[in-house]
Amino acid sequence: RSIRSLNLLEASGLVFGLLCVLFLIKEKVWTWPL
């Protein structure tokens, strides 16, 4: 229900939160602006 009720802000947080960790794992500098 939480996933289905995600608003745009929360959905964006999910996407950017995961992306910055993935780029950190890969040692890519893009982790910081994300």
PDB file of all heavy atoms in Angstrom:
ATOM      1  N   ARG A   1       0.837  -1.210   0.000  1.00  0.00           N
ATOM      2  CA  ARG A   1       0.000   0.000   0.000  1.00  0.00           C
ATOM      3  C   ARG A   1       0.866   1.252   0.000  1.00  0.00           C
ATOM      4  O   ARG A   1       0.534   2.249  -0.648  1.00  0.00           O
ATOM      5  CB  ARG A   1      -0.928  -0.004   1.218  1.00  0.00           C
ATOM      6  CG  ARG A   1      -2.164  -0.879   1.037  1.00  0.00           C
ATOM      7  CD  ARG A   1      -3.177  -0.627   2.146  1.00  0.00           C
ATOM      8  NE  ARG A   1      -2.732  -1.193   3.409  1.00  0.00           N
ATOM      9  CZ  ARG A   1      -2.955  -2.457   3.780  1.00  0.00           C
ATOM     10  NH1 ARG A   1      -3.624  -3.267   2.976  1.00  0.00           N
ATOM     11  NH2 ARG A   1      -2.537  -2.910   4.949  1.00  0.00           N
ATOM     12  N   SER A   2       1.995   1.202   0.733  1.00  0.00           N
ATOM     13  CA  SER A   2       2.893   2.360   0.786  1.00  0.00           C
ATOM     14  C   SER A   2       3.486   2.647  -0.580  1.00  0.00           C
ATOM     15  O   SER A   2       3.590   3.798  -0.997  1.00  0.00           O
ATOM     16  CB  SER A   2       4.019   2.118   1.800  1.00  0.00           C
ATOM     17  OG  SER A   2       3.507   1.997   3.108  1.00  0.00           O
ATOM     18  N   ILE A   3       3.877   1.568  -1.286  1.00  0.00           N
ATOM     19  CA  ILE A   3       4.444   1.744  -2.620  1.00  0.00           C
ATOM     20  C   ILE A   3       3.406   2.299  -3.582  1.00  0.00           C
ATOM     21  O   ILE A   3       3.689   3.206  -4.375  1.00  0.00           O
ATOM     22  CB  ILE A   3       5.009   0.406  -3.139  1.00  0.00           C
ATOM     23  CG1 ILE A   3       6.212  -0.026  -2.286  1.00  0.00           C
ATOM     24  CG2 ILE A   3       5.412   0.515  -4.603  1.00  0.00           C
ATOM     25  CD1 ILE A   3       6.742  -1.404  -2.624  1.00  0.00           C
ATOM     26  N   ARG A   4       2.194   1.775  -3.488  1.00  0.00           N
ATOM     27  CA  ARG A   4       1.129   2.234  -4.390  1.00  0.00           C
ATOM     28  C   ARG A   4       0.735   3.675  -4.121  1.00  0.00           C
ATOM     29  O   ARG A   4       0.297   4.388  -5.035  1.00  0.00           O
ATOM     30  CB  ARG A   4      -0.100   1.322  -4.243  1.00  0.00           C
ATOM     31  CG  ARG A   4       0.080  -0.066  -4.854  1.00  0.00           C
ATOM     32  CD  ARG A   4      -1.145  -0.919  -4.614  1.00  0.00           C
ATOM     33  NE  ARG A   4      -1.033  -2.223  -5.275  1.00  0.00           N
ATOM     34  CZ  ARG A   4      -1.911  -3.201  -5.146  1.00  0.00           C
ATOM     35  NH1 ARG A   4      -2.981  -3.034  -4.362  1.00  0.00           N
ATOM     36  NH2 ARG A   4      -1.736  -4.342  -5.779  1.00  0.00           N
ATOM     37  N   SER A   5       0.864   4.095  -2.854  1.00  0.00           N
ATOM     38  CA  SER A   5       0.432   5.449  -2.486  1.00  0.00           C
ATOM     39  C   SER A   5       1.566   6.473  -2.537  1.00  0.00           C
ATOM     40  O   SER A   5       1.387   7.608  -2.103  1.00  0.00           O
ATOM     41  CB  SER A   5      -0.165   5.425  -1.073  1.00  0.00           C
ATOM     42  OG  SER A   5       0.824   5.083  -0.112  1.00  0.00           O
ATOM     43  N   LEU A   6       2.721   6.070  -3.045  1.00  0.00           N
ATOM     44  CA  LEU A   6       3.849   7.003  -3.123  1.00  0.00           C
ATOM     45  C   LEU A   6       3.484   8.221  -3.951  1.00  0.00           C
ATOM     46  O   LEU A   6       2.944   8.100  -5.055  1.00  0.00           O
ATOM     47  CB  LEU A   6       5.069   6.329  -3.767  1.00  0.00           C
ATOM     48  CG  LEU A   6       5.842   5.299  -2.949  1.00  0.00           C
ATOM     49  CD1 LEU A   6       7.001   4.754  -3.775  1.00  0.00           C
ATOM     50  CD2 LEU A   6       6.362   5.904  -1.666  1.00  0.00           C
ATOM     51  N   ASN A   7       3.745   9.400  -3.396  1.00  0.00           N
ATOM     52  CA  ASN A   7       3.572  10.599  -4.198  1.00  0.00           C
ATOM     53  C   ASN A   7       4.840  10.841  -5.005  1.00  0.00           C
ATOM     54  O   ASN A   7       5.807  10.092  -4.897  1.00  0.00           O
ATOM     55  CB  ASN A   7       3.234  11.810  -3.314  1.00  0.00           C
ATOM     56  CG  ASN A   7       4.281  12.060  -2.243  1.00  0.00           C
ATOM     57  OD1 ASN A   7       5.472  11.888  -2.491  1.00  0.00           O
ATOM     58  ND2 ASN A   7       3.837  12.464  -1.056  1.00  0.00           N
ATOM     59  N   LEU A   8       4.828  11.878  -5.798  1.00  0.00           N
ATOM     60  CA  LEU A   8       5.968  12.144  -6.685  1.00  0.00           C
ATOM     61  C   LEU A   8       7.246  12.370  -5.896  1.00  0.00           C
ATOM     62  O   LEU A   8       8.327  11.902  -6.288  1.00  0.00           O
ATOM     63  CB  LEU A   8       5.672  13.361  -7.558  1.00  0.00           C
ATOM     64  CG  LEU A   8       6.774  13.773  -8.542  1.00  0.00           C
ATOM     65  CD1 LEU A   8       7.071  12.636  -9.513  1.00  0.00           C
ATOM     66  CD2 LEU A   8       6.361  15.036  -9.290  1.00  0.00           C
ATOM     67  N   LEU A   9       7.134  13.056  -4.746  1.00  0.00           N
ATOM     68  CA  LEU A   9       8.307  13.355  -3.930  1.00  0.00           C
ATOM     69  C   LEU A   9       8.925  12.072  -3.383  1.00  0.00           C
ATOM     70  O   LEU A   9      10.146  11.868  -3.454  1.00  0.00           O
ATOM     71  CB  LEU A   9       7.920  14.277  -2.776  1.00  0.00           C
ATOM     72  CG  LEU A   9       9.074  14.844  -1.943  1.00  0.00           C
ATOM     73  CD1 LEU A   9       9.874  15.834  -2.770  1.00  0.00           C
ATOM     74  CD2 LEU A   9       8.544  15.523  -0.686  1.00  0.00           C
ATOM     75  N   GLU A  10       8.099  11.195  -2.829  1.00  0.00           N
ATOM     76  CA  GLU A  10       8.597   9.945  -2.258  1.00  0.00           C
ATOM     77  C   GLU A  10       9.162   9.019  -3.334  1.00  0.00           C
ATOM     78  O   GLU A  10      10.187   8.362  -3.124  1.00  0.00           O
ATOM     79  CB  GLU A  10       7.469   9.254  -1.494  1.00  0.00           C
ATOM     80  CG  GLU A  10       7.038  10.008  -0.249  1.00  0.00           C
ATOM     81  CD  GLU A  10       5.771   9.433   0.357  1.00  0.00           C
ATOM     82  OE1 GLU A  10       4.956   8.856  -0.391  1.00  0.00           O
ATOM     83  OE2 GLU A  10       5.576   9.574   1.585  1.00  0.00           O
ATOM     84  N   ALA A  11       8.492   8.973  -4.489  1.00  0.00           N
ATOM     85  CA  ALA A  11       8.986   8.145  -5.587  1.00  0.00           C
ATOM     86  C   ALA A  11      10.339   8.650  -6.070  1.00  0.00           C
ATOM     87  O   ALA A  11      11.247   7.861  -6.364  1.00  0.00           O
ATOM     88  CB  ALA A  11       7.980   8.141  -6.734  1.00  0.00           C
ATOM     89  N   SER A  12      10.483   9.963  -6.109  1.00  0.00           N
ATOM     90  CA  SER A  12      11.763  10.550  -6.513  1.00  0.00           C
ATOM     91  C   SER A  12      12.845  10.210  -5.495  1.00  0.00           C
ATOM     92  O   SER A  12      13.995   9.923  -5.858  1.00  0.00           O
ATOM     93  CB  SER A  12      11.632  12.069  -6.652  1.00  0.00           C
ATOM     94  OG  SER A  12      10.692  12.409  -7.645  1.00  0.00           O
ATOM     95  N   GLY A  13      12.482  10.247  -4.197  1.00  0.00           N
ATOM     96  CA  GLY A  13      13.429   9.887  -3.152  1.00  0.00           C
ATOM     97  C   GLY A  13      13.908   8.460  -3.302  1.00  0.00           C
ATOM     98  O   GLY A  13      15.093   8.161  -3.104  1.00  0.00           O
ATOM     99  N   LEU A  14      12.984   7.561  -3.641  1.00  0.00           N
ATOM    100  CA  LEU A  14      13.340   6.159  -3.851  1.00  0.00           C
ATOM    101  C   LEU A  14      14.349   6.026  -4.984  1.00  0.00           C
ATOM    102  O   LEU A  14      15.382   5.360  -4.848  1.00  0.00           O
ATOM    103  CB  LEU A  14      12.080   5.347  -4.169  1.00  0.00           C
ATOM    104  CG  LEU A  14      12.295   3.902  -4.600  1.00  0.00           C
ATOM    105  CD1 LEU A  14      12.946   3.091  -3.490  1.00  0.00           C
ATOM    106  CD2 LEU A  14      10.968   3.264  -5.011  1.00  0.00           C
ATOM    107  N   VAL A  15      14.067   6.673  -6.100  1.00  0.00           N
ATOM    108  CA  VAL A  15      14.930   6.564  -7.275  1.00  0.00           C
ATOM    109  C   VAL A  15      16.314   7.140  -7.005  1.00  0.00           C
ATOM    110  O   VAL A  15      17.337   6.480  -7.252  1.00  0.00           O
ATOM    111  CB  VAL A  15      14.292   7.282  -8.485  1.00  0.00           C
ATOM    112  CG1 VAL A  15      15.278   7.340  -9.652  1.00  0.00           C
ATOM    113  CG2 VAL A  15      13.014   6.573  -8.914  1.00  0.00           C
ATOM    114  N   PHE A  16      16.369   8.364  -6.477  1.00  0.00           N
ATOM    115  CA  PHE A  16      17.661   9.013  -6.261  1.00  0.00           C
ATOM    116  C   PHE A  16      18.434   8.357  -5.116  1.00  0.00           C
ATOM    117  O   PHE A  16      19.669   8.299  -5.142  1.00  0.00           O
ATOM    118  CB  PHE A  16      17.467  10.506  -5.991  1.00  0.00           C
ATOM    119  CG  PHE A  16      17.139  11.298  -7.220  1.00  0.00           C
ATOM    120  CD1 PHE A  16      15.855  11.757  -7.442  1.00  0.00           C
ATOM    121  CD2 PHE A  16      18.111  11.555  -8.170  1.00  0.00           C
ATOM    122  CE1 PHE A  16      15.537  12.485  -8.581  1.00  0.00           C
ATOM    123  CE2 PHE A  16      17.822  12.282  -9.323  1.00  0.00           C
ATOM    124  CZ  PHE A  16      16.517  12.747  -9.530  1.00  0.00           C
ATOM    125  N   GLY A  17      17.708   7.847  -4.109  1.00  0.00           N
ATOM    126  CA  GLY A  17      18.368   7.156  -3.007  1.00  0.00           C
ATOM    127  C   GLY A  17      19.083   5.905  -3.470  1.00  0.00           C
ATOM    128  O   GLY A  17      20.220   5.630  -3.066  1.00  0.00           O
ATOM    129  N   LEU A  18      18.437   5.147  -4.334  1.00  0.00           N
ATOM    130  CA  LEU A  18      19.051   3.931  -4.854  1.00  0.00           C
ATOM    131  C   LEU A  18      20.174   4.244  -5.838  1.00  0.00           C
ATOM    132  O   LEU A  18      21.236   3.613  -5.812  1.00  0.00           O
ATOM    133  CB  LEU A  18      17.992   3.060  -5.534  1.00  0.00           C
ATOM    134  CG  LEU A  18      16.967   2.386  -4.612  1.00  0.00           C
ATOM    135  CD1 LEU A  18      15.880   1.704  -5.434  1.00  0.00           C
ATOM    136  CD2 LEU A  18      17.653   1.380  -3.693  1.00  0.00           C
ATOM    137  N   LEU A  19      19.961   5.243  -6.677  1.00  0.00           N
ATOM    138  CA  LEU A  19      20.967   5.582  -7.677  1.00  0.00           C
ATOM    139  C   LEU A  19      22.276   6.056  -7.046  1.00  0.00           C
ATOM    140  O   LEU A  19      23.362   5.663  -7.485  1.00  0.00           O
ATOM    141  CB  LEU A  19      20.434   6.668  -8.622  1.00  0.00           C
ATOM    142  CG  LEU A  19      19.470   6.212  -9.718  1.00  0.00           C
ATOM    143  CD1 LEU A  19      18.973   7.414 -10.514  1.00  0.00           C
ATOM    144  CD2 LEU A  19      20.124   5.199 -10.643  1.00  0.00           C
ATOM    145  N   CYS A  20      22.168   6.883  -5.992  1.00  0.00           N
ATOM    146  CA  CYS A  20      23.399   7.413  -5.407  1.00  0.00           C
ATOM    147  C   CYS A  20      24.209   6.299  -4.736  1.00  0.00           C
ATOM    148  O   CYS A  20      25.440   6.328  -4.763  1.00  0.00           O
ATOM    149  CB  CYS A  20      23.108   8.562  -4.440  1.00  0.00           C
ATOM    150  SG  CYS A  20      22.268   8.130  -2.918  1.00  0.00           S
ATOM    151  N   VAL A  21      23.533   5.292  -4.167  1.00  0.00           N
ATOM    152  CA  VAL A  21      24.248   4.164  -3.573  1.00  0.00           C
ATOM    153  C   VAL A  21      24.876   3.293  -4.657  1.00  0.00           C
ATOM    154  O   VAL A  21      26.028   2.838  -4.523  1.00  0.00           O
ATOM    155  CB  VAL A  21      23.318   3.317  -2.683  1.00  0.00           C
ATOM    156  CG1 VAL A  21      24.062   2.094  -2.151  1.00  0.00           C
ATOM    157  CG2 VAL A  21      22.802   4.139  -1.520  1.00  0.00           C
ATOM    158  N   LEU A  22      24.152   3.066  -5.720  1.00  0.00           N
ATOM    159  CA  LEU A  22      24.689   2.254  -6.818  1.00  0.00           C
ATOM    160  C   LEU A  22      25.924   2.899  -7.433  1.00  0.00           C
ATOM    161  O   LEU A  22      26.918   2.222  -7.733  1.00  0.00           O
ATOM    162  CB  LEU A  22      23.607   2.037  -7.883  1.00  0.00           C
ATOM    163  CG  LEU A  22      22.456   1.107  -7.484  1.00  0.00           C
ATOM    164  CD1 LEU A  22      21.368   1.125  -8.547  1.00  0.00           C
ATOM    165  CD2 LEU A  22      22.950  -0.318  -7.263  1.00  0.00           C
ATOM    166  N   PHE A  23      25.891   4.220  -7.606  1.00  0.00           N
ATOM    167  CA  PHE A  23      27.051   4.922  -8.148  1.00  0.00           C
ATOM    168  C   PHE A  23      28.201   4.941  -7.148  1.00  0.00           C
ATOM    169  O   PHE A  23      29.372   4.942  -7.536  1.00  0.00           O
ATOM    170  CB  PHE A  23      26.676   6.345  -8.554  1.00  0.00           C
ATOM    171  CG  PHE A  23      26.065   6.438  -9.929  1.00  0.00           C
ATOM    172  CD1 PHE A  23      24.705   6.627 -10.090  1.00  0.00           C
ATOM    173  CD2 PHE A  23      26.863   6.326 -11.058  1.00  0.00           C
ATOM    174  CE1 PHE A  23      24.143   6.701 -11.353  1.00  0.00           C
ATOM    175  CE2 PHE A  23      26.312   6.402 -12.334  1.00  0.00           C
ATOM    176  CZ  PHE A  23      24.942   6.591 -12.489  1.00  0.00           C
ATOM    177  N   LEU A  24      27.880   4.946  -5.832  1.00  0.00           N
ATOM    178  CA  LEU A  24      28.929   4.871  -4.817  1.00  0.00           C
ATOM    179  C   LEU A  24      29.638   3.524  -4.888  1.00  0.00           C
ATOM    180  O   LEU A  24      30.867   3.444  -4.796  1.00  0.00           O
ATOM    181  CB  LEU A  24      28.333   5.080  -3.422  1.00  0.00           C
ATOM    182  CG  LEU A  24      29.323   5.055  -2.245  1.00  0.00           C
ATOM    183  CD1 LEU A  24      30.333   6.199  -2.354  1.00  0.00           C
ATOM    184  CD2 LEU A  24      28.577   5.124  -0.914  1.00  0.00           C
ATOM    185  N   ILE A  25      28.861   2.457  -5.047  1.00  0.00           N
ATOM    186  CA  ILE A  25      29.442   1.118  -5.171  1.00  0.00           C
ATOM    187  C   ILE A  25      30.395   1.059  -6.359  1.00  0.00           C
ATOM    188  O   ILE A  25      31.486   0.494  -6.277  1.00  0.00           O
ATOM    189  CB  ILE A  25      28.325   0.060  -5.334  1.00  0.00           C
ATOM    190  CG1 ILE A  25      27.513  -0.065  -4.043  1.00  0.00           C
ATOM    191  CG2 ILE A  25      28.918  -1.299  -5.726  1.00  0.00           C
ATOM    192  CD1 ILE A  25      26.294  -0.954  -4.168  1.00  0.00           C
ATOM    193  N   LYS A  26      29.997   1.695  -7.456  1.00  0.00           N
ATOM    194  CA  LYS A  26      30.809   1.676  -8.685  1.00  0.00           C
ATOM    195  C   LYS A  26      31.914   2.729  -8.667  1.00  0.00           C
ATOM    196  O   LYS A  26      32.658   2.857  -9.630  1.00  0.00           O
ATOM    197  CB  LYS A  26      29.902   1.908  -9.903  1.00  0.00           C
ATOM    198  CG  LYS A  26      28.854   0.818 -10.116  1.00  0.00           C
ATOM    199  CD  LYS A  26      29.519  -0.521 -10.420  1.00  0.00           C
ATOM    200  CE  LYS A  26      28.475  -1.592 -10.725  1.00  0.00           C
ATOM    201  NZ  LYS A  26      29.110  -2.907 -11.017  1.00  0.00           N
ATOM    202  N   GLU A  27      32.017   3.485  -7.559  1.00  0.00           N
ATOM    203  CA  GLU A  27      33.045   4.522  -7.406  1.00  0.00           C
ATOM    204  C   GLU A  27      32.931   5.612  -8.465  1.00  0.00           C
ATOM    205  O   GLU A  27      33.923   6.158  -8.948  1.00  0.00           O
ATOM    206  CB  GLU A  27      34.452   3.918  -7.440  1.00  0.00           C
ATOM    207  CG  GLU A  27      34.701   2.856  -6.374  1.00  0.00           C
ATOM    208  CD  GLU A  27      36.087   2.240  -6.496  1.00  0.00           C
ATOM    209  OE1 GLU A  27      37.074   3.000  -6.543  1.00  0.00           O
ATOM    210  OE2 GLU A  27      36.160   1.001  -6.573  1.00  0.00           O
ATOM    211  N   LYS A  28      31.699   5.961  -8.819  1.00  0.00           N
ATOM    212  CA  LYS A  28      31.451   6.991  -9.809  1.00  0.00           C
ATOM    213  C   LYS A  28      31.103   8.311  -9.111  1.00  0.00           C
ATOM    214  O   LYS A  28      30.299   8.338  -8.179  1.00  0.00           O
ATOM    215  CB  LYS A  28      30.304   6.591 -10.736  1.00  0.00           C
ATOM    216  CG  LYS A  28      30.545   5.284 -11.490  1.00  0.00           C
ATOM    217  CD  LYS A  28      31.767   5.371 -12.398  1.00  0.00           C
ATOM    218  CE  LYS A  28      31.964   4.085 -13.189  1.00  0.00           C
ATOM    219  NZ  LYS A  28      33.192   4.123 -14.031  1.00  0.00           N
ATOM    220  N   VAL A  29      31.686   9.391  -9.598  1.00  0.00           N
ATOM    221  CA  VAL A  29      31.515  10.689  -8.949  1.00  0.00           C
ATOM    222  C   VAL A  29      30.074  11.182  -8.995  1.00  0.00           C
ATOM    223  O   VAL A  29      29.677  12.038  -8.192  1.00  0.00           O
ATOM    224  CB  VAL A  29      32.470  11.722  -9.597  1.00  0.00           C
ATOM    225  CG1 VAL A  29      31.983  12.118 -10.990  1.00  0.00           C
ATOM    226  CG2 VAL A  29      32.638  12.943  -8.700  1.00  0.00           C
ATOM    227  N   TRP A  30      29.253  10.617  -9.883  1.00  0.00           N
ATOM    228  CA  TRP A  30      27.852  11.009  -9.973  1.00  0.00           C
ATOM    229  C   TRP A  30      27.073  10.690  -8.697  1.00  0.00           C
ATOM    230  O   TRP A  30      25.966  11.185  -8.493  1.00  0.00           O
ATOM    231  CB  TRP A  30      27.184  10.324 -11.173  1.00  0.00           C
ATOM    232  CG  TRP A  30      27.394  11.082 -12.445  1.00  0.00           C
ATOM    233  CD1 TRP A  30      28.273  10.788 -13.454  1.00  0.00           C
ATOM    234  CD2 TRP A  30      26.721  12.280 -12.842  1.00  0.00           C
ATOM    235  NE1 TRP A  30      28.198  11.732 -14.450  1.00  0.00           N
ATOM    236  CE2 TRP A  30      27.251  12.659 -14.110  1.00  0.00           C
ATOM    237  CE3 TRP A  30      25.729  13.064 -12.259  1.00  0.00           C
ATOM    238  CZ2 TRP A  30      26.814  13.791 -14.788  1.00  0.00           C
ATOM    239  CZ3 TRP A  30      25.292  14.194 -12.938  1.00  0.00           C
ATOM    240  CH2 TRP A  30      25.835  14.552 -14.176  1.00  0.00           C
ATOM    241  N   THR A  31      27.645   9.857  -7.846  1.00  0.00           N
ATOM    242  CA  THR A  31      26.979   9.556  -6.579  1.00  0.00           C
ATOM    243  C   THR A  31      26.708  10.819  -5.768  1.00  0.00           C
ATOM    244  O   THR A  31      25.707  10.900  -5.048  1.00  0.00           O
ATOM    245  CB  THR A  31      27.829   8.573  -5.740  1.00  0.00           C
ATOM    246  OG1 THR A  31      27.106   8.219  -4.558  1.00  0.00           O
ATOM    247  CG2 THR A  31      29.159   9.182  -5.317  1.00  0.00           C
ATOM    248  N   TRP A  32      27.585  11.828  -5.887  1.00  0.00           N
ATOM    249  CA  TRP A  32      27.467  13.027  -5.060  1.00  0.00           C
ATOM    250  C   TRP A  32      26.380  13.989  -5.513  1.00  0.00           C
ATOM    251  O   TRP A  32      25.552  14.395  -4.681  1.00  0.00           O
ATOM    252  CB  TRP A  32      28.836  13.713  -4.955  1.00  0.00           C
ATOM    253  CG  TRP A  32      29.869  12.766  -4.426  1.00  0.00           C
ATOM    254  CD1 TRP A  32      30.944  12.251  -5.091  1.00  0.00           C
ATOM    255  CD2 TRP A  32      29.893  12.165  -3.118  1.00  0.00           C
ATOM    256  NE1 TRP A  32      31.640  11.381  -4.298  1.00  0.00           N
ATOM    257  CE2 TRP A  32      31.029  11.304  -3.073  1.00  0.00           C
ATOM    258  CE3 TRP A  32      29.089  12.269  -1.984  1.00  0.00           C
ATOM    259  CZ2 TRP A  32      31.362  10.564  -1.941  1.00  0.00           C
ATOM    260  CZ3 TRP A  32      29.410  11.536  -0.858  1.00  0.00           C
ATOM    261  CH2 TRP A  32      30.536  10.695  -0.849  1.00  0.00           C
ATOM    262  N   PRO A  33      26.282  14.378  -6.786  1.00  0.00           N
ATOM    263  CA  PRO A  33      25.153  15.233  -7.180  1.00  0.00           C
ATOM    264  C   PRO A  33      23.801  14.547  -7.008  1.00  0.00           C
ATOM    265  O   PRO A  33      22.809  15.177  -6.625  1.00  0.00           O
ATOM    266  CB  PRO A  33      25.438  15.565  -8.656  1.00  0.00           C
ATOM    267  CG  PRO A  33      26.440  14.564  -9.110  1.00  0.00           C
ATOM    268  CD  PRO A  33      27.240  14.196  -7.902  1.00  0.00           C
ATOM    269  N   LEU A  34      23.758  13.234  -7.265  1.00  0.00           N
ATOM    270  CA  LEU A  34      22.510  12.491  -7.042  1.00  0.00           C
ATOM    271  C   LEU A  34      22.176  12.461  -5.556  1.00  0.00           C
ATOM    272  O   LEU A  34      21.009  12.538  -5.160  1.00  0.00           O
ATOM    273  CB  LEU A  34      22.644  11.067  -7.585  1.00  0.00           C
ATOM    274  CG  LEU A  34      22.731  10.931  -9.110  1.00  0.00           C
ATOM    275  CD1 LEU A  34      23.060   9.503  -9.504  1.00  0.00           C
ATOM    276  CD2 LEU A  34      21.427  11.380  -9.753  1.00  0.00           C
TER     277      LEU A  34
END
